[in-house]
């Protein structure tokens, strides 16, 4: 049994960066690009991961969640499954990588639970916060990049990606549990992510994801250089992208 550790965040020597945003915003592409840049420039190890998933047990839960197994039981059941996956992910991958001094880049983390099961799913903010206190403890990102894109454009991108891969979830069975939600669900998601950014400006930076991938990458690099200059020495500070 994995028990969450309430470690002193000062003990974590690495940097924890998360990517957030709605469907089709290009998070996976930009995580990979930033990882390549940091590996070439920062002189420290880089760990790339995702949620739900990231560790073998969490990946098993991911498959069930994206197949919609928990949907009939409501957003609270989904939040509990996400939390179970997150406990294993944190304990087996994220915290050890941070303790080794690596930079961890995670495609989705706590803000997706706040947005998907909280704002869009209807769970009370206090319940989401209580789950975070128990599961995440002090292991929180130092920087969260929120890739902002109109829901219509994001869903169109996700559909095109799914068609090219044989299904939105990569299984050949069409859109996954969340891509298949109605447009108003995705509108609430976008509003939730932007509200999080307004509430926590010291941690969050909003990136305009409607631009071409190279421009989005440049904006992300400028933001990382401004917020965490030790990770991109010599990059220079050009200010946040948004």
Protein backbone atom coordinates (compact mmCIF):
# COMPACT_ATOMS: atom_id res chain seq x y z
CA UNK A 1 0.00 0.00 0.00
CA UNK A 2 1.32 3.43 -0.97
CA UNK A 3 0.85 6.09 1.71
CA UNK A 4 1.23 9.76 0.67
CA UNK A 5 4.34 11.35 2.20
CA UNK A 6 4.03 14.75 3.79
CA UNK A 7 7.57 15.79 2.96
CA UNK A 8 9.01 19.26 3.29
CA UNK A 9 8.80 20.82 -0.20
CA UNK A 10 12.25 22.31 0.36
CA UNK A 11 13.61 18.76 0.13
CA UNK A 12 12.59 18.52 -3.52
CA UNK A 13 15.59 19.69 -5.53
CA UNK A 14 14.01 19.58 -8.98
CA UNK A 15 11.43 21.79 -10.69
CA UNK A 16 7.85 20.62 -11.24
CA UNK A 17 6.12 22.13 -14.30
CA UNK A 18 2.61 21.19 -15.41
CA UNK A 19 0.73 21.75 -18.66
CA UNK A 20 -3.02 22.30 -18.58
CA UNK A 21 -5.81 23.15 -21.00
CA UNK A 22 -8.80 21.77 -22.83
CA UNK A 23 -8.98 19.03 -25.42
CA UNK A 24 -6.83 19.56 -28.51
CA UNK A 25 -4.81 22.43 -27.06
CA UNK A 26 -1.49 20.81 -28.02
CA UNK A 27 -0.18 19.99 -24.55
CA UNK A 28 1.54 16.74 -25.50
CA UNK A 29 3.33 18.38 -28.42
CA UNK A 30 4.57 21.27 -26.31
CA UNK A 31 5.63 19.03 -23.41
CA UNK A 32 7.84 17.08 -25.81
CA UNK A 33 9.30 20.28 -27.30
CA UNK A 34 10.08 21.85 -23.95
CA UNK A 35 11.63 18.59 -22.74
CA UNK A 36 13.98 18.55 -25.74
CA UNK A 37 14.96 22.17 -25.11
CA UNK A 38 15.59 21.62 -21.40
CA UNK A 39 17.63 18.47 -22.00
CA UNK A 40 19.84 20.44 -24.36
CA UNK A 41 20.10 23.61 -22.32
CA UNK A 42 19.51 23.06 -18.62
CA UNK A 43 22.19 20.49 -17.78
CA UNK A 44 19.81 18.50 -15.60
CA UNK A 45 17.63 15.45 -16.11
CA UNK A 46 14.11 15.87 -17.46
CA UNK A 47 11.23 13.52 -16.62
CA UNK A 48 8.19 13.62 -18.94
CA UNK A 49 4.93 12.19 -17.65
CA UNK A 50 1.16 12.59 -17.82
CA UNK A 51 -2.08 12.30 -15.88
CA UNK A 52 -4.01 10.23 -15.47
CA UNK A 53 -1.17 7.77 -15.78
CA UNK A 54 2.59 8.09 -15.51
CA UNK A 55 3.16 4.92 -13.47
CA UNK A 56 2.07 1.37 -14.40
CA UNK A 57 -0.82 1.22 -11.94
CA UNK A 58 -1.94 4.75 -12.78
CA UNK A 59 -1.91 3.87 -16.49
CA UNK A 60 -4.31 1.02 -15.77
CA UNK A 61 -6.66 3.47 -14.07
CA UNK A 62 -6.23 5.87 -17.01
CA UNK A 63 -7.51 3.26 -19.44
CA UNK A 64 -10.62 2.70 -17.33
CA UNK A 65 -11.29 6.43 -16.92
CA UNK A 66 -10.94 7.27 -20.61
CA UNK A 67 -13.15 4.33 -21.51
CA UNK A 68 -15.86 5.88 -19.32
CA UNK A 69 -16.03 3.12 -16.72
CA UNK A 70 -16.54 5.60 -13.87
CA UNK A 71 -18.90 7.99 -15.69
CA UNK A 72 -22.15 6.26 -14.60
CA UNK A 73 -21.08 6.72 -10.96
CA UNK A 74 -20.67 10.49 -11.28
CA UNK A 75 -17.85 13.04 -10.97
CA UNK A 76 -17.04 12.14 -7.34
CA UNK A 77 -16.24 8.55 -8.30
CA UNK A 78 -14.09 9.86 -11.16
CA UNK A 79 -12.29 12.24 -8.82
CA UNK A 80 -11.54 9.37 -6.44
CA UNK A 81 -10.11 7.28 -9.26
CA UNK A 82 -8.00 10.20 -10.45
CA UNK A 83 -6.78 10.62 -6.88
CA UNK A 84 -5.89 6.94 -6.59
CA UNK A 85 -3.87 7.19 -9.81
CA UNK A 86 -2.22 10.41 -8.59
CA UNK A 87 -1.09 8.84 -5.30
CA UNK A 88 0.76 6.10 -7.16
CA UNK A 89 2.11 8.53 -9.76
CA UNK A 90 3.47 10.93 -7.16
CA UNK A 91 5.02 8.28 -4.98
CA UNK A 92 6.56 6.14 -7.70
CA UNK A 93 7.64 8.70 -10.28
CA UNK A 94 7.20 12.43 -9.59
CA UNK A 95 8.64 12.71 -6.08
CA UNK A 96 11.65 10.45 -6.73
CA UNK A 97 12.47 12.45 -9.88
CA UNK A 98 12.25 15.75 -8.01
CA UNK A 99 14.40 14.38 -5.20
CA UNK A 100 17.04 13.47 -7.80
CA UNK A 101 17.05 17.10 -8.95
CA UNK A 102 15.26 16.47 -12.24
CA UNK A 103 12.79 18.78 -13.96
CA UNK A 104 9.40 17.06 -14.14
CA UNK A 105 7.06 18.02 -17.01
CA UNK A 106 3.57 16.67 -16.49
CA UNK A 107 0.75 16.75 -19.05
CA UNK A 108 -2.17 17.56 -16.69
CA UNK A 109 -2.23 17.54 -12.90
CA UNK A 110 -4.39 18.98 -10.12
CA UNK A 111 -5.89 21.78 -12.22
CA UNK A 112 -7.51 19.26 -14.56
CA UNK A 113 -9.31 17.70 -11.60
CA UNK A 114 -10.41 21.16 -10.50
CA UNK A 115 -11.70 21.93 -14.00
CA UNK A 116 -13.10 18.60 -15.23
CA UNK A 117 -14.63 17.11 -12.08
CA UNK A 118 -14.98 20.42 -10.23
CA UNK A 119 -16.15 23.31 -12.38
CA UNK A 120 -17.45 21.28 -15.33
CA UNK A 121 -18.54 18.21 -13.35
CA UNK A 122 -20.21 20.07 -10.51
CA UNK A 123 -18.17 18.92 -7.50
CA UNK A 124 -17.86 21.41 -4.67
CA UNK A 125 -14.52 23.28 -4.59
CA UNK A 126 -14.08 22.35 -0.92
CA UNK A 127 -14.23 18.65 -1.77
CA UNK A 128 -11.63 19.04 -4.51
CA UNK A 129 -9.40 21.01 -2.12
CA UNK A 130 -9.72 18.31 0.54
CA UNK A 131 -8.64 15.63 -1.95
CA UNK A 132 -5.65 17.77 -2.91
CA UNK A 133 -4.59 18.17 0.72
CA UNK A 134 -4.64 14.42 1.29
CA UNK A 135 -3.19 13.29 -2.04
CA UNK A 136 -0.84 16.03 -3.24
CA UNK A 137 0.38 17.45 0.07
CA UNK A 138 3.14 20.00 -0.67
CA UNK A 139 4.19 18.44 -4.01
CA UNK A 140 2.78 21.20 -6.17
CA UNK A 141 4.01 22.68 -9.44
CA UNK A 142 6.21 25.76 -9.39
CA UNK A 143 4.89 26.70 -12.84
CA UNK A 144 1.69 25.76 -14.64
CA UNK A 145 1.38 26.57 -18.35
CA UNK A 146 -2.29 26.81 -19.34
CA UNK A 147 -2.70 26.40 -23.09
CA UNK A 148 -5.79 28.39 -23.95
CA UNK A 149 -7.86 27.59 -27.03
CA UNK A 150 -11.49 28.08 -28.03
CA UNK A 151 -13.34 24.81 -27.37
CA UNK A 152 -14.64 24.54 -30.93
CA UNK A 153 -11.10 24.72 -32.31
CA UNK A 154 -9.75 22.30 -29.72
CA UNK A 155 -12.43 19.70 -30.37
CA UNK A 156 -11.85 19.98 -34.12
CA UNK A 157 -8.14 19.37 -33.56
CA UNK A 158 -8.86 16.40 -31.29
CA UNK A 159 -11.23 14.90 -33.87
CA UNK A 160 -8.64 15.30 -36.64
CA UNK A 161 -5.98 13.74 -34.42
CA UNK A 162 -8.29 10.86 -33.55
CA UNK A 163 -9.13 10.22 -37.20
CA UNK A 164 -5.44 10.01 -38.00
CA UNK A 165 -4.76 7.61 -35.12
CA UNK A 166 -7.84 5.44 -35.48
CA UNK A 167 -9.75 7.03 -32.60
CA UNK A 168 -9.59 9.98 -30.24
CA UNK A 169 -8.29 7.80 -27.43
CA UNK A 170 -5.87 5.90 -29.61
CA UNK A 171 -7.92 2.71 -29.39
CA UNK A 172 -9.74 2.95 -32.71
CA UNK A 173 -13.05 3.45 -30.89
CA UNK A 174 -13.62 7.17 -31.41
CA UNK A 175 -13.53 10.06 -28.95
CA UNK A 176 -12.61 9.32 -25.35
CA UNK A 177 -14.88 9.87 -22.37
CA UNK A 178 -14.10 13.61 -22.11
CA UNK A 179 -13.79 14.52 -25.79
CA UNK A 180 -17.30 13.11 -26.26
CA UNK A 181 -18.89 15.61 -23.85
CA UNK A 182 -21.17 18.35 -25.19
CA UNK A 183 -19.74 21.73 -26.18
CA UNK A 184 -21.06 23.52 -23.08
CA UNK A 185 -18.96 21.15 -20.92
CA UNK A 186 -15.83 22.26 -22.78
CA UNK A 187 -16.84 25.92 -22.51
CA UNK A 188 -17.02 25.49 -18.72
CA UNK A 189 -13.61 23.81 -18.81
CA UNK A 190 -12.01 26.77 -20.54
CA UNK A 191 -13.61 29.20 -18.11
CA UNK A 192 -12.37 27.09 -15.19
CA UNK A 193 -8.77 27.03 -16.40
CA UNK A 194 -8.77 30.79 -16.96
CA UNK A 195 -10.28 31.33 -13.50
CA UNK A 196 -7.48 29.23 -11.97
CA UNK A 197 -4.90 31.35 -13.79
CA UNK A 198 -6.48 34.56 -12.47
CA UNK A 199 -6.59 33.18 -8.93
CA UNK A 200 -2.95 31.98 -8.92
CA UNK A 201 -0.95 34.31 -11.20
CA UNK A 202 2.35 33.56 -9.42
CA UNK A 203 2.08 29.90 -10.45
CA UNK A 204 0.10 30.02 -13.68
CA UNK A 205 0.79 31.51 -17.11
CA UNK A 206 -1.76 31.50 -19.92
CA UNK A 207 -0.38 30.67 -23.37
CA UNK A 208 -2.36 31.43 -26.55
CA UNK A 209 -2.62 27.96 -28.12
CA UNK A 210 -4.46 29.15 -31.24
CA UNK A 211 -1.14 30.02 -32.87
CA UNK A 212 1.07 27.66 -34.84
CA UNK A 213 3.13 25.16 -32.80
CA UNK A 214 6.41 27.04 -33.30
CA UNK A 215 4.91 30.27 -31.96
CA UNK A 216 3.39 28.45 -28.99
CA UNK A 217 6.75 26.85 -28.28
CA UNK A 218 8.49 30.22 -28.39
CA UNK A 219 5.95 31.69 -25.96
CA UNK A 220 6.44 28.78 -23.57
CA UNK A 221 10.22 29.11 -23.69
CA UNK A 222 9.96 32.84 -22.98
CA UNK A 223 7.70 32.16 -20.01
CA UNK A 224 9.96 29.47 -18.56
CA UNK A 225 13.01 31.71 -19.02
CA UNK A 226 11.25 34.56 -17.23
CA UNK A 227 9.76 32.51 -14.39
CA UNK A 228 12.52 29.91 -13.91
CA UNK A 229 15.71 31.42 -15.38
CA UNK A 230 17.96 28.70 -13.94
CA UNK A 231 16.36 26.18 -16.29
CA UNK A 232 17.22 28.11 -19.46
CA UNK A 233 20.51 29.88 -18.84
CA UNK A 234 21.28 32.54 -21.43
CA UNK A 235 17.76 32.53 -22.83
CA UNK A 236 17.07 36.00 -21.53
CA UNK A 237 13.85 37.36 -20.11
CA UNK A 238 11.29 38.37 -22.68
CA UNK A 239 8.37 38.37 -20.28
CA UNK A 240 5.35 36.11 -20.04
CA UNK A 241 3.37 35.26 -23.13
CA UNK A 242 0.07 36.27 -21.61
